[in-house]
Amino acid sequence: MADANWKEYVQKNAPEHVYPGTGGFHDGGFLQSLEEELPQVIAAGAEGHKIRGCVTYAGNTLEELADNMGLAAEVKENFLASMARYNEMCAQGVDDDFGKDAFLMDAIATPPFYASCVDSSEFKLGLVELSGLVTDGNQQVLNSDDEPIPGLYATGNSCGGRFALQYCTPIAGISIGWATTMGKIVGETVAAL
């Protein structure tokens, strides 16, 4: 989710976070390419416009954005309520729901509004593992057809998809905690073979 002030938010991301073929968030190329493509997103309406494996939608109101995304009535209602709640917390400067750092709390209030949907069949990349190993719930590595590869397991920073958009802001120990937990799971799985 973003609004007309998207560039301010993007530049708060860590400089080493990159998308394939774009360089870092701060190198100018990434920001420039988004600026060039966003008018196409606005023009695409309910069709959306694909940017780097994500179908991105726009709207002049949050309601129009929800409609362009094809949200069903109940989902749209939840989306609008969630956006109202988030913007309320941004105004107060405190995230009472998830503990997001105040400096990252940018209201989504200035049109146009944008949202991207990832096509997981095409875009299997997230922070921590860039083009790394995709695994199932038992940490078994999957092939290009999302089928487990017999006898091949990965865990910790060798597999990822843990942080799809941004690191959790209460981050102390999150990587080691995740790796320890998932390492236990893969250990139990392999021991049971």
Protein backbone atom coordinates (compact mmCIF):
# COMPACT_ATOMS: atom_id res chain seq x y z
CA MET A 1 0.00 0.00 0.00
CA ALA A 2 1.17 3.49 -0.79
CA ASP A 3 -0.19 6.86 -1.68
CA ALA A 4 1.14 9.85 -3.62
CA ASN A 5 3.95 10.11 -1.06
CA TRP A 6 5.29 6.63 -1.90
CA LYS A 7 8.81 7.90 -2.59
CA GLU A 8 9.22 9.12 1.00
CA TYR A 9 8.31 5.67 2.34
CA VAL A 10 10.45 3.72 -0.12
CA GLN A 11 13.50 5.75 0.84
CA LYS A 12 13.09 4.64 4.47
CA ASN A 13 13.92 1.07 3.45
CA ALA A 14 17.42 -0.21 4.14
CA PRO A 15 19.75 0.71 1.24
CA GLU A 16 20.92 -2.87 0.70
CA HIS A 17 17.42 -4.08 -0.14
CA VAL A 18 17.17 -4.48 -3.87
CA TYR A 19 14.88 -5.81 -6.53
CA PRO A 20 16.35 -7.82 -9.41
CA GLY A 21 17.85 -5.62 -12.08
CA THR A 22 17.07 -2.33 -10.35
CA GLY A 23 19.97 -1.71 -8.00
CA GLY A 24 19.25 -0.46 -4.51
CA PHE A 25 16.28 1.59 -3.40
CA HIS A 26 18.51 4.63 -3.13
CA ASP A 27 20.50 4.44 -6.35
CA GLY A 28 18.00 6.50 -8.33
CA GLY A 29 17.28 3.77 -10.88
CA PHE A 30 14.64 2.08 -8.76
CA LEU A 31 12.85 5.32 -7.91
CA GLN A 32 13.08 6.57 -11.48
CA SER A 33 11.66 3.35 -12.93
CA LEU A 34 8.71 3.49 -10.52
CA GLU A 35 8.03 7.11 -11.38
CA GLU A 36 7.98 6.19 -15.05
CA GLU A 37 5.60 3.24 -14.55
CA LEU A 38 3.08 4.69 -12.09
CA PRO A 39 1.17 6.69 -14.76
CA GLN A 40 0.58 3.36 -16.53
CA VAL A 41 -0.82 1.92 -13.27
CA ILE A 42 -3.27 4.81 -12.97
CA ALA A 43 -4.34 4.43 -16.61
CA ALA A 44 -4.81 0.66 -16.27
CA GLY A 45 -7.73 0.90 -13.80
CA ALA A 46 -9.17 -2.49 -12.87
CA GLU A 47 -6.76 -4.28 -15.24
CA GLY A 48 -3.79 -3.27 -13.13
CA HIS A 49 -0.26 -2.92 -14.47
CA LYS A 50 2.53 -5.43 -13.85
CA ILE A 51 5.67 -4.04 -12.23
CA ARG A 52 8.44 -6.55 -11.39
CA GLY A 53 6.18 -9.56 -10.92
CA CYS A 54 3.49 -7.65 -9.03
CA VAL A 55 0.17 -6.49 -10.46
CA THR A 56 -0.21 -2.94 -9.19
CA TYR A 57 -3.51 -1.08 -8.97
CA ALA A 58 -4.36 2.57 -8.38
CA GLY A 59 -7.37 4.63 -7.40
CA ASN A 60 -8.19 8.25 -6.61
CA THR A 61 -9.95 7.09 -3.44
CA LEU A 62 -9.41 4.04 -1.27
CA GLU A 63 -12.86 2.86 -2.37
CA GLU A 64 -11.87 3.11 -6.03
CA LEU A 65 -8.62 1.26 -5.29
CA ALA A 66 -10.56 -1.54 -3.58
CA ASP A 67 -12.91 -1.76 -6.57
CA ASN A 68 -10.02 -1.81 -9.05
CA MET A 69 -8.43 -4.63 -7.04
CA GLY A 70 -11.70 -6.57 -7.36
CA LEU A 71 -12.28 -6.90 -3.63
CA ALA A 72 -15.57 -8.55 -2.66
CA ALA A 73 -17.94 -6.44 -0.53
CA GLU A 74 -16.95 -7.92 2.84
CA VAL A 75 -13.22 -7.81 2.02
CA LYS A 76 -13.57 -4.22 0.77
CA GLU A 77 -15.29 -3.24 4.02
CA ASN A 78 -12.48 -4.81 6.05
CA PHE A 79 -9.85 -3.14 3.85
CA LEU A 80 -11.41 0.31 4.31
CA ALA A 81 -11.76 -0.19 8.08
CA SER A 82 -8.13 -1.36 8.28
CA MET A 83 -6.94 1.68 6.35
CA ALA A 84 -8.96 4.01 8.60
CA ARG A 85 -7.46 2.34 11.69
CA TYR A 86 -3.92 2.55 10.30
CA ASN A 87 -4.29 6.22 9.39
CA GLU A 88 -5.69 6.92 12.86
CA MET A 89 -2.62 5.34 14.47
CA CYS A 90 -0.33 7.31 12.12
CA ALA A 91 -2.01 10.52 13.29
CA GLN A 92 -1.40 9.61 16.94
CA GLY A 93 2.17 8.47 16.16
CA VAL A 94 1.80 5.13 17.96
CA ASP A 95 1.02 1.72 16.49
CA ASP A 96 -1.08 0.13 19.23
CA ASP A 97 -1.80 -2.94 17.09
CA PHE A 98 1.60 -4.15 15.87
CA GLY A 99 4.28 -1.89 17.39
CA LYS A 100 5.51 -0.46 14.09
CA ASP A 101 8.23 2.15 14.63
CA ALA A 102 6.83 5.69 14.60
CA PHE A 103 9.27 6.90 11.94
CA LEU A 104 7.87 4.25 9.54
CA MET A 105 4.23 5.18 10.17
CA ASP A 106 3.26 7.06 7.03
CA ALA A 107 -0.45 7.62 6.60
CA ILE A 108 -2.04 6.40 3.38
CA ALA A 109 -4.11 9.54 2.87
CA THR A 110 -3.01 11.44 -0.24
CA PRO A 111 -4.36 10.30 -3.63
CA PRO A 112 -3.62 8.54 -5.83
CA PHE A 113 -3.47 5.31 -3.84
CA TYR A 114 -1.54 2.19 -4.91
CA ALA A 115 -1.57 -1.49 -3.96
CA SER A 116 0.38 -4.40 -5.39
CA CYS A 117 -0.56 -8.07 -5.47
CA VAL A 118 2.19 -10.64 -5.83
CA ASP A 119 1.65 -13.53 -8.22
CA SER A 120 3.33 -16.25 -6.16
CA SER A 121 3.55 -18.55 -9.17
CA GLU A 122 5.79 -16.01 -10.88
CA PHE A 123 7.45 -14.05 -8.10
CA LYS A 124 9.18 -16.22 -5.51
CA LEU A 125 11.45 -13.72 -3.93
CA GLY A 126 11.48 -11.87 -0.69
CA LEU A 127 13.90 -10.16 1.56
CA VAL A 128 16.65 -12.31 3.05
CA GLU A 129 16.66 -14.83 0.19
CA LEU A 130 17.07 -13.21 -3.16
CA SER A 131 16.43 -15.94 -5.71
CA GLY A 132 17.21 -18.46 -2.95
CA LEU A 133 15.60 -21.73 -1.99
CA VAL A 134 11.83 -21.99 -1.70
CA THR A 135 10.71 -24.50 0.94
CA ASP A 136 7.50 -26.01 2.28
CA GLY A 137 6.36 -26.08 5.92
CA ASN A 138 8.81 -28.90 6.70
CA GLN A 139 11.69 -26.91 5.16
CA GLN A 140 11.89 -29.32 2.21
CA VAL A 141 13.20 -27.52 -0.88
CA LEU A 142 10.66 -27.22 -3.70
CA ASN A 143 11.37 -27.52 -7.41
CA SER A 144 10.07 -25.12 -10.09
CA ASP A 145 6.69 -26.94 -10.01
CA ASP A 146 6.43 -26.41 -6.22
CA GLU A 147 6.98 -30.14 -5.62
CA PRO A 148 9.31 -31.28 -2.79
CA ILE A 149 12.76 -32.45 -3.88
CA PRO A 150 13.36 -35.79 -2.10
CA GLY A 151 16.05 -35.57 0.59
CA LEU A 152 16.81 -31.84 0.15
CA TYR A 153 16.08 -29.50 3.07
CA ALA A 154 17.06 -25.92 3.87
CA THR A 155 16.45 -23.62 6.81
CA GLY A 156 17.62 -20.34 8.35
CA ASN A 157 18.94 -17.75 5.91
CA SER A 158 19.23 -20.41 3.17
CA CYS A 159 15.49 -20.22 2.69
CA GLY A 160 13.33 -17.19 3.03
CA GLY A 161 10.17 -15.38 2.14
CA ARG A 162 10.09 -14.36 5.79
CA PHE A 163 9.92 -10.62 5.23
CA ALA A 164 7.85 -9.92 2.15
CA LEU A 165 7.77 -6.13 2.40
CA GLN A 166 9.73 -4.85 5.38
CA TYR A 167 11.44 -6.25 8.41
CA CYS A 168 9.31 -6.36 11.54
CA THR A 169 10.22 -3.33 13.59
CA PRO A 170 10.52 -5.13 16.95
CA ILE A 171 13.40 -7.03 15.35
CA ALA A 172 15.77 -8.00 18.18
CA GLY A 173 16.50 -11.70 17.75
CA ILE A 174 13.93 -12.26 15.01
CA SER A 175 16.33 -13.88 12.52
CA ILE A 176 18.02 -16.17 15.03
CA GLY A 177 14.67 -16.97 16.67
CA TRP A 178 13.14 -17.91 13.33
CA ALA A 179 16.18 -19.93 12.28
CA THR A 180 16.24 -21.79 15.61
CA THR A 181 12.55 -22.65 15.44
CA MET A 182 12.62 -23.71 11.81
CA GLY A 183 15.90 -25.61 12.39
CA LYS A 184 14.14 -27.61 15.11
CA ILE A 185 11.29 -28.41 12.73
CA VAL A 186 13.61 -29.58 9.94
CA GLY A 187 15.65 -31.59 12.47
CA GLU A 188 12.53 -33.38 13.71
CA THR A 189 11.41 -33.99 10.12
CA VAL A 190 14.74 -35.44 9.02
CA ALA A 191 15.11 -37.50 12.24
CA ALA A 192 11.72 -39.11 11.53
CA LEU A 193 12.79 -40.32 8.06
